[in-house]
Amino acid sequence: MAARTPRRPASEAVSGSRPSGSESGRPEPESGAAASEIALLGEGDIGAAELTRRLADNIRSLRKARGYSLDDMARRSGVSRASLSQVETAKTNPTIAILWKIAAGLEVPFSALLGADKTERVSVLRRPDQRVLRSADGQLESRPLTPAGTLGGVEVYELRLAPRAVHSSEPHAPGTGESVTVLVGQLRLRVAEEVHDLAAGDTASFAADVPHSYENPGRTHTLVHNVIVYQR
């Protein structure tokens, strides 16, 4: 995307050293709140291995274009140097939480990590080409609805939450806002200390630079449209 996101919030700063990785060489999760690994769904789209490689190449290119070393990125993002190295060499599938931290450290929208598509007067994103992200436990699916680079500073996602699922998000960069519209089911939205129960047709807008979470308290799937607006 052409938009430039602000610097990452202080709450995402490095708060202490974490282990550089497990004995198997796989980095430890950076956040217990969102231990969701990247996985590819959908018909006819690229495979998970190719997505991991694409993420690695894009993140490394964005980092080098800004002149940041791995140590610089570790300080800026709150992701350990060892984990960043594993991500950039495609040796691990990064969690969604880690990708958000990396995007904030690079000051780019989340979709920039997936790669900018060619921008045209009208950009059509066909269903088979949409890169669906799923949490490791299968409780959350996130489907980008806007091609990267088409809407400056705005991203739109479709979120699908399984019954009783909870997805927590760390604060995004300062000035980032979100809007959620419940299409099917019910949603319990937590923003800092506030809790709001939403039904189908309800919309809530909020500042996303504080901790927030989405919960499906019902017995059926919840479908939500999520709009993220970055501060220019």
Protein backbone atom coordinates (compact mmCIF):
# COMPACT_ATOMS: atom_id res chain seq x y z
CA MET A 1 0.00 0.00 0.00
CA ALA A 2 1.04 3.55 -0.59
CA ALA A 3 0.08 4.66 2.89
CA ARG A 4 2.68 4.90 5.60
CA THR A 5 1.70 3.78 9.04
CA PRO A 6 2.93 5.64 12.10
CA ARG A 7 5.61 4.42 14.41
CA ARG A 8 4.68 1.47 16.56
CA PRO A 9 3.14 2.14 19.98
CA ALA A 10 5.30 2.20 23.07
CA SER A 11 3.28 -0.74 24.41
CA GLU A 12 4.83 -2.90 21.69
CA ALA A 13 8.41 -2.01 22.62
CA VAL A 14 10.76 -4.74 23.73
CA SER A 15 9.89 -5.50 27.34
CA GLY A 16 12.70 -7.90 28.03
CA SER A 17 14.69 -10.67 26.41
CA ARG A 18 12.97 -13.83 25.23
CA PRO A 19 14.65 -17.12 24.40
CA SER A 20 16.19 -17.06 20.96
CA GLY A 21 14.40 -20.28 20.07
CA SER A 22 13.58 -23.78 21.15
CA GLU A 23 16.02 -26.66 21.01
CA SER A 24 14.47 -27.68 17.71
CA GLY A 25 15.47 -24.34 16.21
CA ARG A 26 11.88 -23.09 15.99
CA PRO A 27 11.49 -19.66 17.63
CA GLU A 28 9.32 -19.38 20.69
CA PRO A 29 5.97 -17.57 20.24
CA GLU A 30 6.27 -13.83 20.85
CA SER A 31 2.75 -13.49 22.22
CA GLY A 32 0.61 -15.95 24.12
CA ALA A 33 -2.50 -13.94 23.27
CA ALA A 34 -2.45 -14.79 19.59
CA ALA A 35 -0.66 -18.01 18.79
CA SER A 36 -2.15 -18.27 15.31
CA GLU A 37 0.08 -19.54 12.52
CA ILE A 38 -0.27 -18.56 8.90
CA ALA A 39 -2.05 -21.10 6.71
CA LEU A 40 -3.42 -20.87 3.20
CA LEU A 41 -6.99 -21.77 2.38
CA GLY A 42 -9.14 -21.25 -0.68
CA GLU A 43 -9.26 -22.85 -4.08
CA GLY A 44 -6.49 -22.42 -6.60
CA ASP A 45 -4.37 -19.99 -4.59
CA ILE A 46 -0.70 -20.31 -3.75
CA GLY A 47 0.45 -22.93 -1.27
CA ALA A 48 1.46 -22.32 2.33
CA ALA A 49 5.14 -22.84 1.54
CA GLU A 50 4.99 -20.23 -1.22
CA LEU A 51 3.21 -17.76 1.07
CA THR A 52 5.90 -18.26 3.72
CA ARG A 53 8.58 -17.58 1.09
CA ARG A 54 6.75 -14.52 -0.19
CA LEU A 55 6.44 -13.12 3.32
CA ALA A 56 10.14 -13.76 3.93
CA ASP A 57 11.20 -12.00 0.72
CA ASN A 58 8.90 -9.01 1.26
CA ILE A 59 9.88 -8.48 4.88
CA ARG A 60 13.59 -8.71 4.10
CA SER A 61 13.24 -6.31 1.15
CA LEU A 62 11.25 -3.79 3.19
CA ARG A 63 13.76 -3.95 6.04
CA LYS A 64 16.78 -3.47 3.78
CA ALA A 65 15.10 -0.65 1.85
CA ARG A 66 14.84 1.24 5.14
CA GLY A 67 18.42 0.48 6.10
CA TYR A 68 17.47 -1.48 9.22
CA SER A 69 19.61 -4.29 10.55
CA LEU A 70 18.00 -7.28 12.25
CA ASP A 71 18.97 -5.73 15.59
CA ASP A 72 17.27 -2.48 14.54
CA MET A 73 14.12 -4.38 13.61
CA ALA A 74 14.16 -6.28 16.88
CA ARG A 75 14.19 -2.99 18.79
CA ARG A 76 11.52 -1.41 16.60
CA SER A 77 9.13 -4.35 16.48
CA GLY A 78 9.56 -6.17 19.79
CA VAL A 79 10.22 -9.41 17.86
CA SER A 80 13.47 -11.14 18.81
CA ARG A 81 16.37 -11.09 16.36
CA ALA A 82 16.34 -14.88 16.20
CA SER A 83 12.64 -14.96 15.30
CA LEU A 84 13.12 -12.27 12.65
CA SER A 85 15.95 -14.26 11.11
CA GLN A 86 13.76 -17.39 11.03
CA VAL A 87 10.96 -15.44 9.35
CA GLU A 88 13.24 -13.86 6.74
CA THR A 89 14.76 -17.20 5.80
CA ALA A 90 11.32 -18.87 5.56
CA LYS A 91 12.24 -21.36 8.27
CA THR A 92 9.03 -20.76 10.22
CA ASN A 93 5.42 -19.78 9.67
CA PRO A 94 5.11 -16.51 11.63
CA THR A 95 2.10 -15.94 13.85
CA ILE A 96 -0.37 -13.22 12.93
CA ALA A 97 0.66 -11.38 16.09
CA ILE A 98 4.32 -11.38 15.02
CA LEU A 99 3.42 -10.14 11.53
CA TRP A 100 1.48 -7.22 13.02
CA LYS A 101 4.55 -6.31 15.11
CA ILE A 102 6.81 -6.50 12.07
CA ALA A 103 4.44 -4.32 10.04
CA ALA A 104 4.39 -1.73 12.83
CA GLY A 105 8.19 -1.81 13.10
CA LEU A 106 8.50 -1.25 9.36
CA GLU A 107 5.76 1.40 9.43
CA VAL A 108 3.77 -0.28 6.66
CA PRO A 109 0.22 -1.62 6.45
CA PHE A 110 -0.21 -5.31 7.19
CA SER A 111 -1.02 -6.09 3.56
CA ALA A 112 2.37 -4.77 2.45
CA LEU A 113 3.94 -7.89 3.96
CA LEU A 114 1.92 -10.01 1.54
CA GLY A 115 3.22 -8.02 -1.41
CA ALA A 116 1.83 -5.05 -3.33
CA ASP A 117 -0.27 -5.93 -6.33
CA LYS A 118 -0.38 -3.80 -9.46
CA THR A 119 -2.69 -0.85 -8.98
CA GLU A 120 -5.20 -0.09 -11.71
CA ARG A 121 -8.27 2.10 -12.03
CA VAL A 122 -10.38 -0.86 -10.94
CA SER A 123 -8.78 -3.73 -9.04
CA VAL A 124 -10.74 -6.97 -8.93
CA LEU A 125 -9.79 -9.60 -6.36
CA ARG A 126 -11.25 -12.93 -7.45
CA ARG A 127 -12.26 -15.41 -4.77
CA PRO A 128 -9.69 -18.07 -5.83
CA ASP A 129 -6.90 -15.47 -5.58
CA GLN A 130 -7.70 -14.35 -2.04
CA ARG A 131 -5.09 -15.40 0.52
CA VAL A 132 -7.02 -16.60 3.52
CA LEU A 133 -5.19 -16.70 6.85
CA ARG A 134 -6.26 -19.19 9.51
CA SER A 135 -5.22 -19.49 13.15
CA ALA A 136 -3.38 -22.65 14.17
CA ASP A 137 -6.37 -23.84 16.20
CA GLY A 138 -8.69 -23.24 13.26
CA GLN A 139 -10.93 -20.93 15.28
CA LEU A 140 -10.30 -17.78 13.21
CA GLU A 141 -10.16 -17.15 9.48
CA SER A 142 -9.14 -13.75 8.10
CA ARG A 143 -9.71 -13.05 4.40
CA PRO A 144 -8.32 -9.80 2.89
CA LEU A 145 -10.97 -8.19 0.68
CA THR A 146 -8.81 -5.39 -0.75
CA PRO A 147 -5.80 -6.00 -3.01
CA ALA A 148 -2.58 -4.66 -1.51
CA GLY A 149 -1.81 -1.11 -2.57
CA THR A 150 -5.25 -0.22 -3.90
CA LEU A 151 -6.78 1.83 -1.07
CA GLY A 152 -4.29 4.17 0.55
CA GLY A 153 -4.33 3.64 4.30
CA VAL A 154 -7.38 1.36 4.36
CA GLU A 155 -7.65 -2.43 4.57
CA VAL A 156 -10.82 -4.53 4.62
CA TYR A 157 -11.03 -8.08 5.97
CA GLU A 158 -13.68 -10.73 6.43
CA LEU A 159 -13.31 -12.43 9.80
CA ARG A 160 -14.93 -15.77 10.55
CA LEU A 161 -14.98 -16.88 14.18
CA ALA A 162 -15.88 -20.40 15.25
CA PRO A 163 -18.33 -20.89 18.14
CA ARG A 164 -16.82 -19.81 21.49
CA ALA A 165 -13.67 -18.58 19.76
CA VAL A 166 -11.67 -15.65 21.13
CA HIS A 167 -9.04 -13.72 19.16
CA SER A 168 -6.92 -11.13 20.97
CA SER A 169 -4.95 -8.36 19.28
CA GLU A 170 -2.17 -6.23 20.66
CA PRO A 171 -2.35 -2.46 20.13
CA HIS A 172 -1.74 -1.35 16.56
CA ALA A 173 0.30 1.72 15.65
CA PRO A 174 -0.86 5.04 17.17
CA GLY A 175 -3.77 6.57 15.30
CA THR A 176 -4.97 3.30 13.78
CA GLY A 177 -8.75 2.90 13.80
CA GLU A 178 -11.01 -0.06 13.16
CA SER A 179 -14.66 -0.60 12.31
CA VAL A 180 -16.42 -3.94 12.62
CA THR A 181 -19.81 -4.87 11.19
CA VAL A 182 -21.43 -8.14 12.22
CA LEU A 183 -22.92 -9.90 9.20
CA VAL A 184 -23.89 -13.22 10.78
CA GLY A 185 -24.06 -14.33 14.40
CA GLN A 186 -22.92 -12.31 17.40
CA LEU A 187 -19.70 -10.66 18.50
CA ARG A 188 -18.36 -9.61 21.88
CA LEU A 189 -15.92 -6.77 21.27
CA ARG A 190 -13.44 -5.81 23.96
CA VAL A 191 -11.54 -2.54 23.58
CA ALA A 192 -9.26 -1.82 26.53
CA GLU A 193 -11.68 -2.00 29.50
CA GLU A 194 -14.89 -1.68 27.48
CA VAL A 195 -17.03 -4.62 26.42
CA HIS A 196 -19.77 -4.39 23.77
CA ASP A 197 -22.06 -7.19 22.61
CA LEU A 198 -23.00 -6.86 18.95
CA ALA A 199 -25.65 -8.66 16.91
CA ALA A 200 -26.04 -9.11 13.16
CA GLY A 201 -26.30 -5.67 11.55
CA ASP A 202 -24.51 -3.85 14.38
CA THR A 203 -21.38 -1.79 13.73
CA ALA A 204 -18.73 -0.55 16.15
CA SER A 205 -15.84 1.83 15.44
CA PHE A 206 -12.92 2.23 17.81
CA ALA A 207 -9.32 3.30 18.28
CA ALA A 208 -7.23 0.18 17.66
CA ASP A 209 -4.03 1.44 19.29
CA VAL A 210 -5.09 -0.24 22.56
CA PRO A 211 -5.49 -3.96 23.33
CA HIS A 212 -8.68 -5.36 21.79
CA SER A 213 -10.26 -8.72 21.14
CA TYR A 214 -13.06 -10.40 19.25
CA GLU A 215 -15.13 -13.15 20.86
CA ASN A 216 -17.91 -15.29 19.48
CA PRO A 217 -20.06 -16.14 22.52
CA GLY A 218 -22.60 -18.06 20.45
CA ARG A 219 -23.00 -21.63 19.28
CA THR A 220 -22.78 -20.86 15.55
CA HIS A 221 -20.12 -19.19 13.41
CA THR A 222 -19.83 -15.40 13.41
CA LEU A 223 -19.01 -13.48 10.23
CA VAL A 224 -17.63 -9.95 10.51
CA HIS A 225 -16.40 -7.28 8.13
CA ASN A 226 -13.37 -5.54 9.61
CA VAL A 227 -12.09 -2.21 8.23
CA ILE A 228 -8.66 -0.96 9.37
CA VAL A 229 -7.75 2.68 8.78
CA TYR A 230 -4.14 3.76 9.22
CA GLN A 231 -3.16 7.29 10.19
CA ARG A 232 -1.48 9.03 7.29
